[in-house]
Amino acid sequence: MSEPLTPTDVFKCLADDTRVRLMLLITREGELCVCELTCALDESQPKISRHLAQLRTCGLLADRRQGQWVYYSLHPELPEWVPNILRTALEANRDWLDPLAQRLENMGGRPERAAACC
């Protein structure tokens, strides 16, 4: 991260229902691939990928490639206040996120981190 994140930067980036749900799921799980996020949010892959790219551009997410798959996690250089806010929001809004978490848990063929996805 070249510039320090400000609260304005973070909240502007999270000011979208899809992006905040992606961030909270990733905070909950630690790391998720695009196919898992597509299943959990029940949205198209291009839409999920577009929002993930925005979150990465904002500096909130890091990605890693494993074969043809891309896995997303919180950026390791985030200031501690950002993961703290995300964990607080996650804890306070579990009911709001439960349907997505349930779809994720029921996903058939959910990938192992060492295996190829989908």
PDB file of N, CA and C in Angstrom:
ATOM      1  N   MET A   1       0.839  -1.174   0.000  1.00  0.00           N
ATOM      2  CA  MET A   1       0.000   0.000   0.000  1.00  0.00           C
ATOM      3  C   MET A   1       0.878   1.229   0.000  1.00  0.00           C
ATOM      4  N   SER A   2       0.665   2.050  -0.998  1.00  0.00           N
ATOM      5  CA  SER A   2       1.495   3.248  -1.085  1.00  0.00           C
ATOM      6  C   SER A   2       0.960   4.379  -0.211  1.00  0.00           C
ATOM      7  N   GLU A   3      -0.315   4.602  -0.219  1.00  0.00           N
ATOM      8  CA  GLU A   3      -0.934   5.652   0.585  1.00  0.00           C
ATOM      9  C   GLU A   3      -1.687   5.022   1.757  1.00  0.00           C
ATOM     10  N   PRO A   4      -1.626   5.635   2.941  1.00  0.00           N
ATOM     11  CA  PRO A   4      -2.395   5.092   4.060  1.00  0.00           C
ATOM     12  C   PRO A   4      -3.892   5.220   3.790  1.00  0.00           C
ATOM     13  N   LEU A   5      -4.629   4.195   4.184  1.00  0.00           N
ATOM     14  CA  LEU A   5      -6.082   4.221   4.025  1.00  0.00           C
ATOM     15  C   LEU A   5      -6.703   5.158   5.046  1.00  0.00           C
ATOM     16  N   THR A   6      -7.636   5.947   4.592  1.00  0.00           N
ATOM     17  CA  THR A   6      -8.381   6.816   5.498  1.00  0.00           C
ATOM     18  C   THR A   6      -9.769   6.208   5.698  1.00  0.00           C
ATOM     19  N   PRO A   7     -10.459   6.584   6.758  1.00  0.00           N
ATOM     20  CA  PRO A   7     -11.836   6.106   6.919  1.00  0.00           C
ATOM     21  C   PRO A   7     -12.706   6.447   5.709  1.00  0.00           C
ATOM     22  N   THR A   8     -12.510   7.603   5.120  1.00  0.00           N
ATOM     23  CA  THR A   8     -13.292   7.976   3.945  1.00  0.00           C
ATOM     24  C   THR A   8     -13.055   6.990   2.809  1.00  0.00           C
ATOM     25  N   ASP A   9     -11.784   6.637   2.563  1.00  0.00           N
ATOM     26  CA  ASP A   9     -11.455   5.669   1.510  1.00  0.00           C
ATOM     27  C   ASP A   9     -12.151   4.331   1.756  1.00  0.00           C
ATOM     28  N   VAL A  10     -12.036   3.840   2.973  1.00  0.00           N
ATOM     29  CA  VAL A  10     -12.586   2.528   3.318  1.00  0.00           C
ATOM     30  C   VAL A  10     -14.101   2.532   3.192  1.00  0.00           C
ATOM     31  N   PHE A  11     -14.756   3.514   3.771  1.00  0.00           N
ATOM     32  CA  PHE A  11     -16.220   3.520   3.756  1.00  0.00           C
ATOM     33  C   PHE A  11     -16.779   3.775   2.359  1.00  0.00           C
ATOM     34  N   LYS A  12     -16.097   4.569   1.543  1.00  0.00           N
ATOM     35  CA  LYS A  12     -16.525   4.735   0.154  1.00  0.00           C
ATOM     36  C   LYS A  12     -16.444   3.407  -0.584  1.00  0.00           C
ATOM     37  N   CYS A  13     -15.369   2.682  -0.352  1.00  0.00           N
ATOM     38  CA  CYS A  13     -15.191   1.395  -1.026  1.00  0.00           C
ATOM     39  C   CYS A  13     -16.234   0.374  -0.570  1.00  0.00           C
ATOM     40  N   LEU A  14     -16.642   0.455   0.673  1.00  0.00           N
ATOM     41  CA  LEU A  14     -17.625  -0.490   1.214  1.00  0.00           C
ATOM     42  C   LEU A  14     -19.071  -0.029   1.025  1.00  0.00           C
ATOM     43  N   ALA A  15     -19.275   1.114   0.398  1.00  0.00           N
ATOM     44  CA  ALA A  15     -20.619   1.680   0.259  1.00  0.00           C
ATOM     45  C   ALA A  15     -21.407   1.023  -0.872  1.00  0.00           C
ATOM     46  N   ASP A  16     -21.370  -0.291  -0.909  1.00  0.00           N
ATOM     47  CA  ASP A  16     -22.121  -1.066  -1.887  1.00  0.00           C
ATOM     48  C   ASP A  16     -22.467  -2.390  -1.230  1.00  0.00           C
ATOM     49  N   ASP A  17     -23.699  -2.820  -1.364  1.00  0.00           N
ATOM     50  CA  ASP A  17     -24.169  -4.038  -0.721  1.00  0.00           C
ATOM     51  C   ASP A  17     -23.318  -5.259  -1.108  1.00  0.00           C
ATOM     52  N   THR A  18     -23.019  -5.408  -2.374  1.00  0.00           N
ATOM     53  CA  THR A  18     -22.228  -6.561  -2.822  1.00  0.00           C
ATOM     54  C   THR A  18     -20.835  -6.524  -2.226  1.00  0.00           C
ATOM     55  N   ARG A  19     -20.183  -5.366  -2.266  1.00  0.00           N
ATOM     56  CA  ARG A  19     -18.813  -5.283  -1.765  1.00  0.00           C
ATOM     57  C   ARG A  19     -18.741  -5.519  -0.264  1.00  0.00           C
ATOM     58  N   VAL A  20     -19.690  -4.984   0.496  1.00  0.00           N
ATOM     59  CA  VAL A  20     -19.630  -5.201   1.943  1.00  0.00           C
ATOM     60  C   VAL A  20     -19.899  -6.669   2.266  1.00  0.00           C
ATOM     61  N   ARG A  21     -20.789  -7.309   1.544  1.00  0.00           N
ATOM     62  CA  ARG A  21     -21.040  -8.736   1.777  1.00  0.00           C
ATOM     63  C   ARG A  21     -19.810  -9.574   1.424  1.00  0.00           C
ATOM     64  N   LEU A  22     -19.147  -9.232   0.329  1.00  0.00           N
ATOM     65  CA  LEU A  22     -17.906  -9.924  -0.026  1.00  0.00           C
ATOM     66  C   LEU A  22     -16.873  -9.781   1.085  1.00  0.00           C
ATOM     67  N   MET A  23     -16.697  -8.561   1.563  1.00  0.00           N
ATOM     68  CA  MET A  23     -15.706  -8.309   2.611  1.00  0.00           C
ATOM     69  C   MET A  23     -16.034  -9.059   3.896  1.00  0.00           C
ATOM     70  N   LEU A  24     -17.304  -9.082   4.277  1.00  0.00           N
ATOM     71  CA  LEU A  24     -17.671  -9.773   5.514  1.00  0.00           C
ATOM     72  C   LEU A  24     -17.519 -11.287   5.376  1.00  0.00           C
ATOM     73  N   LEU A  25     -17.854 -11.836   4.216  1.00  0.00           N
ATOM     74  CA  LEU A  25     -17.646 -13.281   4.007  1.00  0.00           C
ATOM     75  C   LEU A  25     -16.167 -13.635   4.034  1.00  0.00           C
ATOM     76  N   ILE A  26     -15.355 -12.815   3.398  1.00  0.00           N
ATOM     77  CA  ILE A  26     -13.912 -13.071   3.387  1.00  0.00           C
ATOM     78  C   ILE A  26     -13.348 -12.910   4.793  1.00  0.00           C
ATOM     79  N   THR A  27     -13.827 -11.922   5.539  1.00  0.00           N
ATOM     80  CA  THR A  27     -13.403 -11.760   6.931  1.00  0.00           C
ATOM     81  C   THR A  27     -13.774 -13.001   7.730  1.00  0.00           C
ATOM     82  N   ARG A  28     -14.974 -13.511   7.519  1.00  0.00           N
ATOM     83  CA  ARG A  28     -15.463 -14.701   8.241  1.00  0.00           C
ATOM     84  C   ARG A  28     -14.638 -15.944   7.905  1.00  0.00           C
ATOM     85  N   GLU A  29     -14.342 -16.131   6.616  1.00  0.00           N
ATOM     86  CA  GLU A  29     -13.703 -17.365   6.157  1.00  0.00           C
ATOM     87  C   GLU A  29     -12.177 -17.285   6.079  1.00  0.00           C
ATOM     88  N   GLY A  30     -11.643 -16.102   6.000  1.00  0.00           N
ATOM     89  CA  GLY A  30     -10.190 -15.953   5.883  1.00  0.00           C
ATOM     90  C   GLY A  30      -9.720 -15.853   4.448  1.00  0.00           C
ATOM     91  N   GLU A  31     -10.256 -16.721   3.591  1.00  0.00           N
ATOM     92  CA  GLU A  31      -9.879 -16.726   2.176  1.00  0.00           C
ATOM     93  C   GLU A  31     -10.977 -17.447   1.402  1.00  0.00           C
ATOM     94  N   LEU A  32     -11.358 -16.877   0.266  1.00  0.00           N
ATOM     95  CA  LEU A  32     -12.374 -17.502  -0.579  1.00  0.00           C
ATOM     96  C   LEU A  32     -12.011 -17.296  -2.041  1.00  0.00           C
ATOM     97  N   CYS A  33     -12.397 -18.263  -2.869  1.00  0.00           N
ATOM     98  CA  CYS A  33     -12.168 -18.124  -4.309  1.00  0.00           C
ATOM     99  C   CYS A  33     -13.411 -17.524  -4.956  1.00  0.00           C
ATOM    100  N   VAL A  34     -13.258 -17.096  -6.170  1.00  0.00           N
ATOM    101  CA  VAL A  34     -14.346 -16.451  -6.899  1.00  0.00           C
ATOM    102  C   VAL A  34     -15.558 -17.378  -6.983  1.00  0.00           C
ATOM    103  N   CYS A  35     -15.341 -18.670  -7.233  1.00  0.00           N
ATOM    104  CA  CYS A  35     -16.483 -19.577  -7.362  1.00  0.00           C
ATOM    105  C   CYS A  35     -17.259 -19.694  -6.053  1.00  0.00           C
ATOM    106  N   GLU A  36     -16.578 -19.659  -4.915  1.00  0.00           N
ATOM    107  CA  GLU A  36     -17.266 -19.701  -3.626  1.00  0.00           C
ATOM    108  C   GLU A  36     -18.089 -18.438  -3.405  1.00  0.00           C
ATOM    109  N   LEU A  37     -17.514 -17.302  -3.752  1.00  0.00           N
ATOM    110  CA  LEU A  37     -18.207 -16.032  -3.577  1.00  0.00           C
ATOM    111  C   LEU A  37     -19.403 -15.917  -4.517  1.00  0.00           C
ATOM    112  N   THR A  38     -19.253 -16.415  -5.734  1.00  0.00           N
ATOM    113  CA  THR A  38     -20.352 -16.428  -6.697  1.00  0.00           C
ATOM    114  C   THR A  38     -21.510 -17.269  -6.168  1.00  0.00           C
ATOM    115  N   CYS A  39     -21.199 -18.428  -5.606  1.00  0.00           N
ATOM    116  CA  CYS A  39     -22.219 -19.303  -5.037  1.00  0.00           C
ATOM    117  C   CYS A  39     -22.882 -18.649  -3.827  1.00  0.00           C
ATOM    118  N   ALA A  40     -22.098 -18.117  -2.925  1.00  0.00           N
ATOM    119  CA  ALA A  40     -22.639 -17.535  -1.689  1.00  0.00           C
ATOM    120  C   ALA A  40     -23.558 -16.352  -1.963  1.00  0.00           C
ATOM    121  N   LEU A  41     -23.164 -15.489  -2.872  1.00  0.00           N
ATOM    122  CA  LEU A  41     -23.971 -14.296  -3.158  1.00  0.00           C
ATOM    123  C   LEU A  41     -25.030 -14.551  -4.226  1.00  0.00           C
ATOM    124  N   ASP A  42     -24.958 -15.720  -4.872  1.00  0.00           N
ATOM    125  CA  ASP A  42     -25.906 -16.075  -5.929  1.00  0.00           C
ATOM    126  C   ASP A  42     -25.939 -14.985  -7.004  1.00  0.00           C
ATOM    127  N   GLU A  43     -24.746 -14.590  -7.431  1.00  0.00           N
ATOM    128  CA  GLU A  43     -24.575 -13.562  -8.457  1.00  0.00           C
ATOM    129  C   GLU A  43     -23.677 -14.109  -9.558  1.00  0.00           C
ATOM    130  N   SER A  44     -23.642 -13.417 -10.679  1.00  0.00           N
ATOM    131  CA  SER A  44     -22.827 -13.857 -11.815  1.00  0.00           C
ATOM    132  C   SER A  44     -21.336 -13.661 -11.519  1.00  0.00           C
ATOM    133  N   GLN A  45     -20.524 -14.477 -12.145  1.00  0.00           N
ATOM    134  CA  GLN A  45     -19.078 -14.383 -11.967  1.00  0.00           C
ATOM    135  C   GLN A  45     -18.534 -13.020 -12.404  1.00  0.00           C
ATOM    136  N   PRO A  46     -18.981 -12.463 -13.555  1.00  0.00           N
ATOM    137  CA  PRO A  46     -18.464 -11.139 -13.929  1.00  0.00           C
ATOM    138  C   PRO A  46     -18.778 -10.053 -12.893  1.00  0.00           C
ATOM    139  N   LYS A  47     -19.977 -10.094 -12.308  1.00  0.00           N
ATOM    140  CA  LYS A  47     -20.329  -9.087 -11.292  1.00  0.00           C
ATOM    141  C   LYS A  47     -19.438  -9.232 -10.067  1.00  0.00           C
ATOM    142  N   ILE A  48     -19.262 -10.455  -9.587  1.00  0.00           N
ATOM    143  CA  ILE A  48     -18.412 -10.691  -8.415  1.00  0.00           C
ATOM    144  C   ILE A  48     -16.980 -10.266  -8.714  1.00  0.00           C
ATOM    145  N   SER A  49     -16.470 -10.645  -9.866  1.00  0.00           N
ATOM    146  CA  SER A  49     -15.087 -10.295 -10.230  1.00  0.00           C
ATOM    147  C   SER A  49     -14.895  -8.790 -10.325  1.00  0.00           C
ATOM    148  N   ARG A  50     -15.884  -8.088 -10.835  1.00  0.00           N
ATOM    149  CA  ARG A  50     -15.795  -6.620 -10.944  1.00  0.00           C
ATOM    150  C   ARG A  50     -15.703  -5.989  -9.552  1.00  0.00           C
ATOM    151  N   HIS A  51     -16.535  -6.459  -8.628  1.00  0.00           N
ATOM    152  CA  HIS A  51     -16.506  -5.914  -7.267  1.00  0.00           C
ATOM    153  C   HIS A  51     -15.213  -6.295  -6.545  1.00  0.00           C
ATOM    154  N   LEU A  52     -14.731  -7.505  -6.758  1.00  0.00           N
ATOM    155  CA  LEU A  52     -13.463  -7.921  -6.148  1.00  0.00           C
ATOM    156  C   LEU A  52     -12.313  -7.048  -6.666  1.00  0.00           C
ATOM    157  N   ALA A  53     -12.337  -6.734  -7.954  1.00  0.00           N
ATOM    158  CA  ALA A  53     -11.301  -5.865  -8.525  1.00  0.00           C
ATOM    159  C   ALA A  53     -11.342  -4.483  -7.872  1.00  0.00           C
ATOM    160  N   GLN A  54     -12.543  -3.969  -7.623  1.00  0.00           N
ATOM    161  CA  GLN A  54     -12.660  -2.667  -6.953  1.00  0.00           C
ATOM    162  C   GLN A  54     -12.101  -2.728  -5.538  1.00  0.00           C
ATOM    163  N   LEU A  55     -12.399  -3.799  -4.825  1.00  0.00           N
ATOM    164  CA  LEU A  55     -11.889  -3.952  -3.458  1.00  0.00           C
ATOM    165  C   LEU A  55     -10.365  -4.096  -3.446  1.00  0.00           C
ATOM    166  N   ARG A  56      -9.841  -4.770  -4.433  1.00  0.00           N
ATOM    167  CA  ARG A  56      -8.390  -4.907  -4.551  1.00  0.00           C
ATOM    168  C   ARG A  56      -7.751  -3.555  -4.881  1.00  0.00           C
ATOM    169  N   THR A  57      -8.377  -2.803  -5.794  1.00  0.00           N
ATOM    170  CA  THR A  57      -7.870  -1.482  -6.153  1.00  0.00           C
ATOM    171  C   THR A  57      -7.889  -0.537  -4.956  1.00  0.00           C
ATOM    172  N   CYS A  58      -8.898  -0.667  -4.112  1.00  0.00           N
ATOM    173  CA  CYS A  58      -8.990   0.153  -2.889  1.00  0.00           C
ATOM    174  C   CYS A  58      -7.917  -0.224  -1.873  1.00  0.00           C
ATOM    175  N   GLY A  59      -7.304  -1.381  -2.041  1.00  0.00           N
ATOM    176  CA  GLY A  59      -6.288  -1.840  -1.099  1.00  0.00           C
ATOM    177  C   GLY A  59      -6.841  -2.678   0.037  1.00  0.00           C
ATOM    178  N   LEU A  60      -8.111  -3.082  -0.060  1.00  0.00           N
ATOM    179  CA  LEU A  60      -8.713  -3.864   1.017  1.00  0.00           C
ATOM    180  C   LEU A  60      -8.467  -5.359   0.875  1.00  0.00           C
ATOM    181  N   LEU A  61      -8.290  -5.836  -0.346  1.00  0.00           N
ATOM    182  CA  LEU A  61      -8.096  -7.267  -0.582  1.00  0.00           C
ATOM    183  C   LEU A  61      -6.765  -7.544  -1.251  1.00  0.00           C
ATOM    184  N   ALA A  62      -6.265  -8.723  -0.980  1.00  0.00           N
ATOM    185  CA  ALA A  62      -5.108  -9.267  -1.686  1.00  0.00           C
ATOM    186  C   ALA A  62      -5.593 -10.522  -2.396  1.00  0.00           C
ATOM    187  N   ASP A  63      -4.936 -10.866  -3.475  1.00  0.00           N
ATOM    188  CA  ASP A  63      -5.307 -12.091  -4.171  1.00  0.00           C
ATOM    189  C   ASP A  63      -4.077 -12.952  -4.386  1.00  0.00           C
ATOM    190  N   ARG A  64      -4.344 -14.246  -4.557  1.00  0.00           N
ATOM    191  CA  ARG A  64      -3.266 -15.166  -4.913  1.00  0.00           C
ATOM    192  C   ARG A  64      -3.832 -16.153  -5.918  1.00  0.00           C
ATOM    193  N   ARG A  65      -2.994 -16.528  -6.826  1.00  0.00           N
ATOM    194  CA  ARG A  65      -3.401 -17.488  -7.849  1.00  0.00           C
ATOM    195  C   ARG A  65      -2.940 -18.882  -7.450  1.00  0.00           C
ATOM    196  N   GLN A  66      -3.818 -19.828  -7.717  1.00  0.00           N
ATOM    197  CA  GLN A  66      -3.477 -21.242  -7.548  1.00  0.00           C
ATOM    198  C   GLN A  66      -4.001 -21.920  -8.794  1.00  0.00           C
ATOM    199  N   GLY A  67      -3.086 -22.201  -9.729  1.00  0.00           N
ATOM    200  CA  GLY A  67      -3.511 -22.728 -11.018  1.00  0.00           C
ATOM    201  C   GLY A  67      -4.338 -21.664 -11.723  1.00  0.00           C
ATOM    202  N   GLN A  68      -5.528 -22.048 -12.160  1.00  0.00           N
ATOM    203  CA  GLN A  68      -6.386 -21.089 -12.863  1.00  0.00           C
ATOM    204  C   GLN A  68      -7.303 -20.318 -11.924  1.00  0.00           C
ATOM    205  N   TRP A  69      -7.245 -20.599 -10.634  1.00  0.00           N
ATOM    206  CA  TRP A  69      -8.171 -19.999  -9.680  1.00  0.00           C
ATOM    207  C   TRP A  69      -7.511 -18.860  -8.917  1.00  0.00           C
ATOM    208  N   VAL A  70      -8.330 -17.906  -8.505  1.00  0.00           N
ATOM    209  CA  VAL A  70      -7.858 -16.757  -7.745  1.00  0.00           C
ATOM    210  C   VAL A  70      -8.575 -16.761  -6.400  1.00  0.00           C
ATOM    211  N   TYR A  71      -7.788 -16.668  -5.334  1.00  0.00           N
ATOM    212  CA  TYR A  71      -8.307 -16.645  -3.973  1.00  0.00           C
ATOM    213  C   TYR A  71      -8.093 -15.256  -3.388  1.00  0.00           C
ATOM    214  N   TYR A  72      -9.078 -14.788  -2.627  1.00  0.00           N
ATOM    215  CA  TYR A  72      -9.044 -13.449  -2.049  1.00  0.00           C
ATOM    216  C   TYR A  72      -9.029 -13.517  -0.534  1.00  0.00           C
ATOM    217  N   SER A  73      -8.252 -12.611   0.065  1.00  0.00           N
ATOM    218  CA  SER A  73      -8.187 -12.480   1.522  1.00  0.00           C
ATOM    219  C   SER A  73      -7.993 -11.000   1.840  1.00  0.00           C
ATOM    220  N   LEU A  74      -8.168 -10.656   3.120  1.00  0.00           N
ATOM    221  CA  LEU A  74      -7.906  -9.276   3.525  1.00  0.00           C
ATOM    222  C   LEU A  74      -6.441  -8.958   3.243  1.00  0.00           C
ATOM    223  N   HIS A  75      -6.194  -7.762   2.777  1.00  0.00           N
ATOM    224  CA  HIS A  75      -4.820  -7.361   2.478  1.00  0.00           C
ATOM    225  C   HIS A  75      -3.998  -7.441   3.768  1.00  0.00           C
ATOM    226  N   PRO A  76      -2.832  -8.074   3.731  1.00  0.00           N
ATOM    227  CA  PRO A  76      -2.041  -8.242   4.956  1.00  0.00           C
ATOM    228  C   PRO A  76      -1.500  -6.937   5.544  1.00  0.00           C
ATOM    229  N   GLU A  77      -1.472  -5.878   4.758  1.00  0.00           N
ATOM    230  CA  GLU A  77      -0.942  -4.607   5.255  1.00  0.00           C
ATOM    231  C   GLU A  77      -2.035  -3.619   5.660  1.00  0.00           C
ATOM    232  N   LEU A  78      -3.267  -4.114   5.820  1.00  0.00           N
ATOM    233  CA  LEU A  78      -4.333  -3.225   6.278  1.00  0.00           C
ATOM    234  C   LEU A  78      -4.016  -2.703   7.672  1.00  0.00           C
ATOM    235  N   PRO A  79      -4.313  -1.427   7.927  1.00  0.00           N
ATOM    236  CA  PRO A  79      -4.185  -0.945   9.296  1.00  0.00           C
ATOM    237  C   PRO A  79      -5.147  -1.741  10.184  1.00  0.00           C
ATOM    238  N   GLU A  80      -4.762  -2.008  11.400  1.00  0.00           N
ATOM    239  CA  GLU A  80      -5.537  -2.881  12.291  1.00  0.00           C
ATOM    240  C   GLU A  80      -6.973  -2.417  12.491  1.00  0.00           C
ATOM    241  N   TRP A  81      -7.225  -1.120  12.391  1.00  0.00           N
ATOM    242  CA  TRP A  81      -8.596  -0.635  12.597  1.00  0.00           C
ATOM    243  C   TRP A  81      -9.553  -1.155  11.530  1.00  0.00           C
ATOM    244  N   VAL A  82      -9.053  -1.462  10.318  1.00  0.00           N
ATOM    245  CA  VAL A  82      -9.949  -1.934   9.256  1.00  0.00           C
ATOM    246  C   VAL A  82     -10.456  -3.348   9.557  1.00  0.00           C
ATOM    247  N   PRO A  83      -9.575  -4.342   9.811  1.00  0.00           N
ATOM    248  CA  PRO A  83     -10.106  -5.660  10.185  1.00  0.00           C
ATOM    249  C   PRO A  83     -10.957  -5.607  11.457  1.00  0.00           C
ATOM    250  N   ASN A  84     -10.615  -4.728  12.378  1.00  0.00           N
ATOM    251  CA  ASN A  84     -11.428  -4.585  13.601  1.00  0.00           C
ATOM    252  C   ASN A  84     -12.847  -4.158  13.259  1.00  0.00           C
ATOM    253  N   ILE A  85     -12.993  -3.184  12.372  1.00  0.00           N
ATOM    254  CA  ILE A  85     -14.319  -2.729  11.947  1.00  0.00           C
ATOM    255  C   ILE A  85     -15.070  -3.865  11.254  1.00  0.00           C
ATOM    256  N   LEU A  86     -14.378  -4.588  10.394  1.00  0.00           N
ATOM    257  CA  LEU A  86     -15.025  -5.685   9.675  1.00  0.00           C
ATOM    258  C   LEU A  86     -15.474  -6.795  10.623  1.00  0.00           C
ATOM    259  N   ARG A  87     -14.627  -7.145  11.597  1.00  0.00           N
ATOM    260  CA  ARG A  87     -15.010  -8.181  12.567  1.00  0.00           C
ATOM    261  C   ARG A  87     -16.191  -7.717  13.424  1.00  0.00           C
ATOM    262  N   THR A  88     -16.186  -6.447  13.809  1.00  0.00           N
ATOM    263  CA  THR A  88     -17.300  -5.906  14.587  1.00  0.00           C
ATOM    264  C   THR A  88     -18.594  -5.945  13.774  1.00  0.00           C
ATOM    265  N   ALA A  89     -18.521  -5.523  12.521  1.00  0.00           N
ATOM    266  CA  ALA A  89     -19.701  -5.553  11.650  1.00  0.00           C
ATOM    267  C   ALA A  89     -20.177  -6.986  11.437  1.00  0.00           C
ATOM    268  N   LEU A  90     -19.253  -7.913  11.287  1.00  0.00           N
ATOM    269  CA  LEU A  90     -19.604  -9.318  11.108  1.00  0.00           C
ATOM    270  C   LEU A  90     -20.330  -9.863  12.338  1.00  0.00           C
ATOM    271  N   GLU A  91     -19.774  -9.615  13.510  1.00  0.00           N
ATOM    272  CA  GLU A  91     -20.386 -10.106  14.753  1.00  0.00           C
ATOM    273  C   GLU A  91     -21.770  -9.502  14.980  1.00  0.00           C
ATOM    274  N   ALA A  92     -21.926  -8.238  14.662  1.00  0.00           N
ATOM    275  CA  ALA A  92     -23.192  -7.548  14.915  1.00  0.00           C
ATOM    276  C   ALA A  92     -24.267  -7.854  13.872  1.00  0.00           C
ATOM    277  N   ASN A  93     -23.870  -8.476  12.761  1.00  0.00           N
ATOM    278  CA  ASN A  93     -24.802  -8.680  11.653  1.00  0.00           C
ATOM    279  C   ASN A  93     -24.820 -10.113  11.132  1.00  0.00           C
ATOM    280  N   ARG A  94     -24.590 -11.060  12.009  1.00  0.00           N
ATOM    281  CA  ARG A  94     -24.571 -12.468  11.585  1.00  0.00           C
ATOM    282  C   ARG A  94     -25.883 -12.877  10.920  1.00  0.00           C
ATOM    283  N   ASP A  95     -27.017 -12.416  11.449  1.00  0.00           N
ATOM    284  CA  ASP A  95     -28.313 -12.775  10.861  1.00  0.00           C
ATOM    285  C   ASP A  95     -28.420 -12.278   9.416  1.00  0.00           C
ATOM    286  N   TRP A  96     -27.902 -11.101   9.163  1.00  0.00           N
ATOM    287  CA  TRP A  96     -27.918 -10.511   7.826  1.00  0.00           C
ATOM    288  C   TRP A  96     -27.075 -11.338   6.855  1.00  0.00           C
ATOM    289  N   LEU A  97     -25.985 -11.902   7.357  1.00  0.00           N
ATOM    290  CA  LEU A  97     -25.059 -12.655   6.513  1.00  0.00           C
ATOM    291  C   LEU A  97     -25.365 -14.157   6.491  1.00  0.00           C
ATOM    292  N   ASP A  98     -26.189 -14.634   7.401  1.00  0.00           N
ATOM    293  CA  ASP A  98     -26.462 -16.069   7.508  1.00  0.00           C
ATOM    294  C   ASP A  98     -26.911 -16.742   6.211  1.00  0.00           C
ATOM    295  N   PRO A  99     -27.824 -16.159   5.428  1.00  0.00           N
ATOM    296  CA  PRO A  99     -28.223 -16.851   4.192  1.00  0.00           C
ATOM    297  C   PRO A  99     -27.052 -17.082   3.230  1.00  0.00           C
ATOM    298  N   LEU A 100     -26.142 -16.128   3.160  1.00  0.00           N
ATOM    299  CA  LEU A 100     -24.975 -16.275   2.293  1.00  0.00           C
ATOM    300  C   LEU A 100     -24.023 -17.334   2.843  1.00  0.00           C
ATOM    301  N   ALA A 101     -23.805 -17.287   4.158  1.00  0.00           N
ATOM    302  CA  ALA A 101     -22.930 -18.279   4.796  1.00  0.00           C
ATOM    303  C   ALA A 101     -23.512 -19.679   4.634  1.00  0.00           C
ATOM    304  N   GLN A 102     -24.819 -19.802   4.705  1.00  0.00           N
ATOM    305  CA  GLN A 102     -25.467 -21.100   4.541  1.00  0.00           C
ATOM    306  C   GLN A 102     -25.285 -21.623   3.111  1.00  0.00           C
ATOM    307  N   ARG A 103     -25.455 -20.750   2.109  1.00  0.00           N
ATOM    308  CA  ARG A 103     -25.223 -21.168   0.718  1.00  0.00           C
ATOM    309  C   ARG A 103     -23.784 -21.614   0.531  1.00  0.00           C
ATOM    310  N   LEU A 104     -22.861 -20.901   1.141  1.00  0.00           N
ATOM    311  CA  LEU A 104     -21.455 -21.256   1.046  1.00  0.00           C
ATOM    312  C   LEU A 104     -21.203 -22.624   1.675  1.00  0.00           C
ATOM    313  N   GLU A 105     -21.764 -22.851   2.842  1.00  0.00           N
ATOM    314  CA  GLU A 105     -21.578 -24.128   3.525  1.00  0.00           C
ATOM    315  C   GLU A 105     -22.217 -25.291   2.764  1.00  0.00           C
ATOM    316  N   ASN A 106     -23.296 -25.018   2.033  1.00  0.00           N
ATOM    317  CA  ASN A 106     -23.977 -26.064   1.277  1.00  0.00           C
ATOM    318  C   ASN A 106     -23.439 -26.237  -0.140  1.00  0.00           C
ATOM    319  N   MET A 107     -22.440 -25.462  -0.500  1.00  0.00           N
ATOM    320  CA  MET A 107     -21.888 -25.512  -1.850  1.00  0.00           C
ATOM    321  C   MET A 107     -21.310 -26.887  -2.136  1.00  0.00           C
ATOM    322  N   GLY A 108     -21.771 -27.487  -3.195  1.00  0.00           N
ATOM    323  CA  GLY A 108     -21.225 -28.777  -3.610  1.00  0.00           C
ATOM    324  C   GLY A 108     -19.851 -28.612  -4.217  1.00  0.00           C
ATOM    325  N   GLY A 109     -18.942 -29.505  -3.868  1.00  0.00           N
ATOM    326  CA  GLY A 109     -17.599 -29.456  -4.436  1.00  0.00           C
ATOM    327  C   GLY A 109     -16.791 -28.265  -3.997  1.00  0.00           C
ATOM    328  N   ARG A 110     -17.070 -27.783  -2.805  1.00  0.00           N
ATOM    329  CA  ARG A 110     -16.320 -26.622  -2.302  1.00  0.00           C
ATOM    330  C   ARG A 110     -14.841 -26.981  -2.270  1.00  0.00           C
ATOM    331  N   PRO A 111     -14.013 -26.102  -2.816  1.00  0.00           N
ATOM    332  CA  PRO A 111     -12.590 -26.444  -2.977  1.00  0.00           C
ATOM    333  C   PRO A 111     -11.815 -26.482  -1.676  1.00  0.00           C
ATOM    334  N   GLU A 112     -10.845 -27.367  -1.661  1.00  0.00           N
ATOM    335  CA  GLU A 112      -9.830 -27.358  -0.623  1.00  0.00           C
ATOM    336  C   GLU A 112      -8.801 -26.326  -1.039  1.00  0.00           C
ATOM    337  N   ARG A 113      -8.167 -25.702  -0.099  1.00  0.00           N
ATOM    338  CA  ARG A 113      -7.189 -24.665  -0.441  1.00  0.00           C
ATOM    339  C   ARG A 113      -6.020 -25.211  -1.243  1.00  0.00           C
ATOM    340  N   ALA A 114      -5.698 -26.476  -1.078  1.00  0.00           N
ATOM    341  CA  ALA A 114      -4.575 -27.056  -1.816  1.00  0.00           C
ATOM    342  C   ALA A 114      -5.025 -27.690  -3.126  1.00  0.00           C
ATOM    343  N   ALA A 115      -6.329 -27.767  -3.350  1.00  0.00           N
ATOM    344  CA  ALA A 115      -6.862 -28.412  -4.553  1.00  0.00           C
ATOM    345  C   ALA A 115      -7.372 -27.373  -5.521  1.00  0.00           C
ATOM    346  N   ALA A 116      -7.615 -27.811  -6.746  1.00  0.00           N
ATOM    347  CA  ALA A 116      -8.182 -26.912  -7.758  1.00  0.00           C
ATOM    348  C   ALA A 116      -9.630 -26.635  -7.406  1.00  0.00           C
ATOM    349  N   CYS A 117     -10.058 -25.452  -7.730  1.00  0.00           N
ATOM    350  CA  CYS A 117     -11.436 -25.031  -7.443  1.00  0.00           C
ATOM    351  C   CYS A 117     -12.368 -25.476  -8.560  1.00  0.00           C
ATOM    352  N   CYS A 118     -13.583 -25.793  -8.178  1.00  0.00           N
ATOM    353  CA  CYS A 118     -14.706 -26.082  -9.072  1.00  0.00           C
ATOM    354  C   CYS A 118     -14.284 -26.866 -10.304  1.00  0.00           C
TER     355      CYS A 118
END
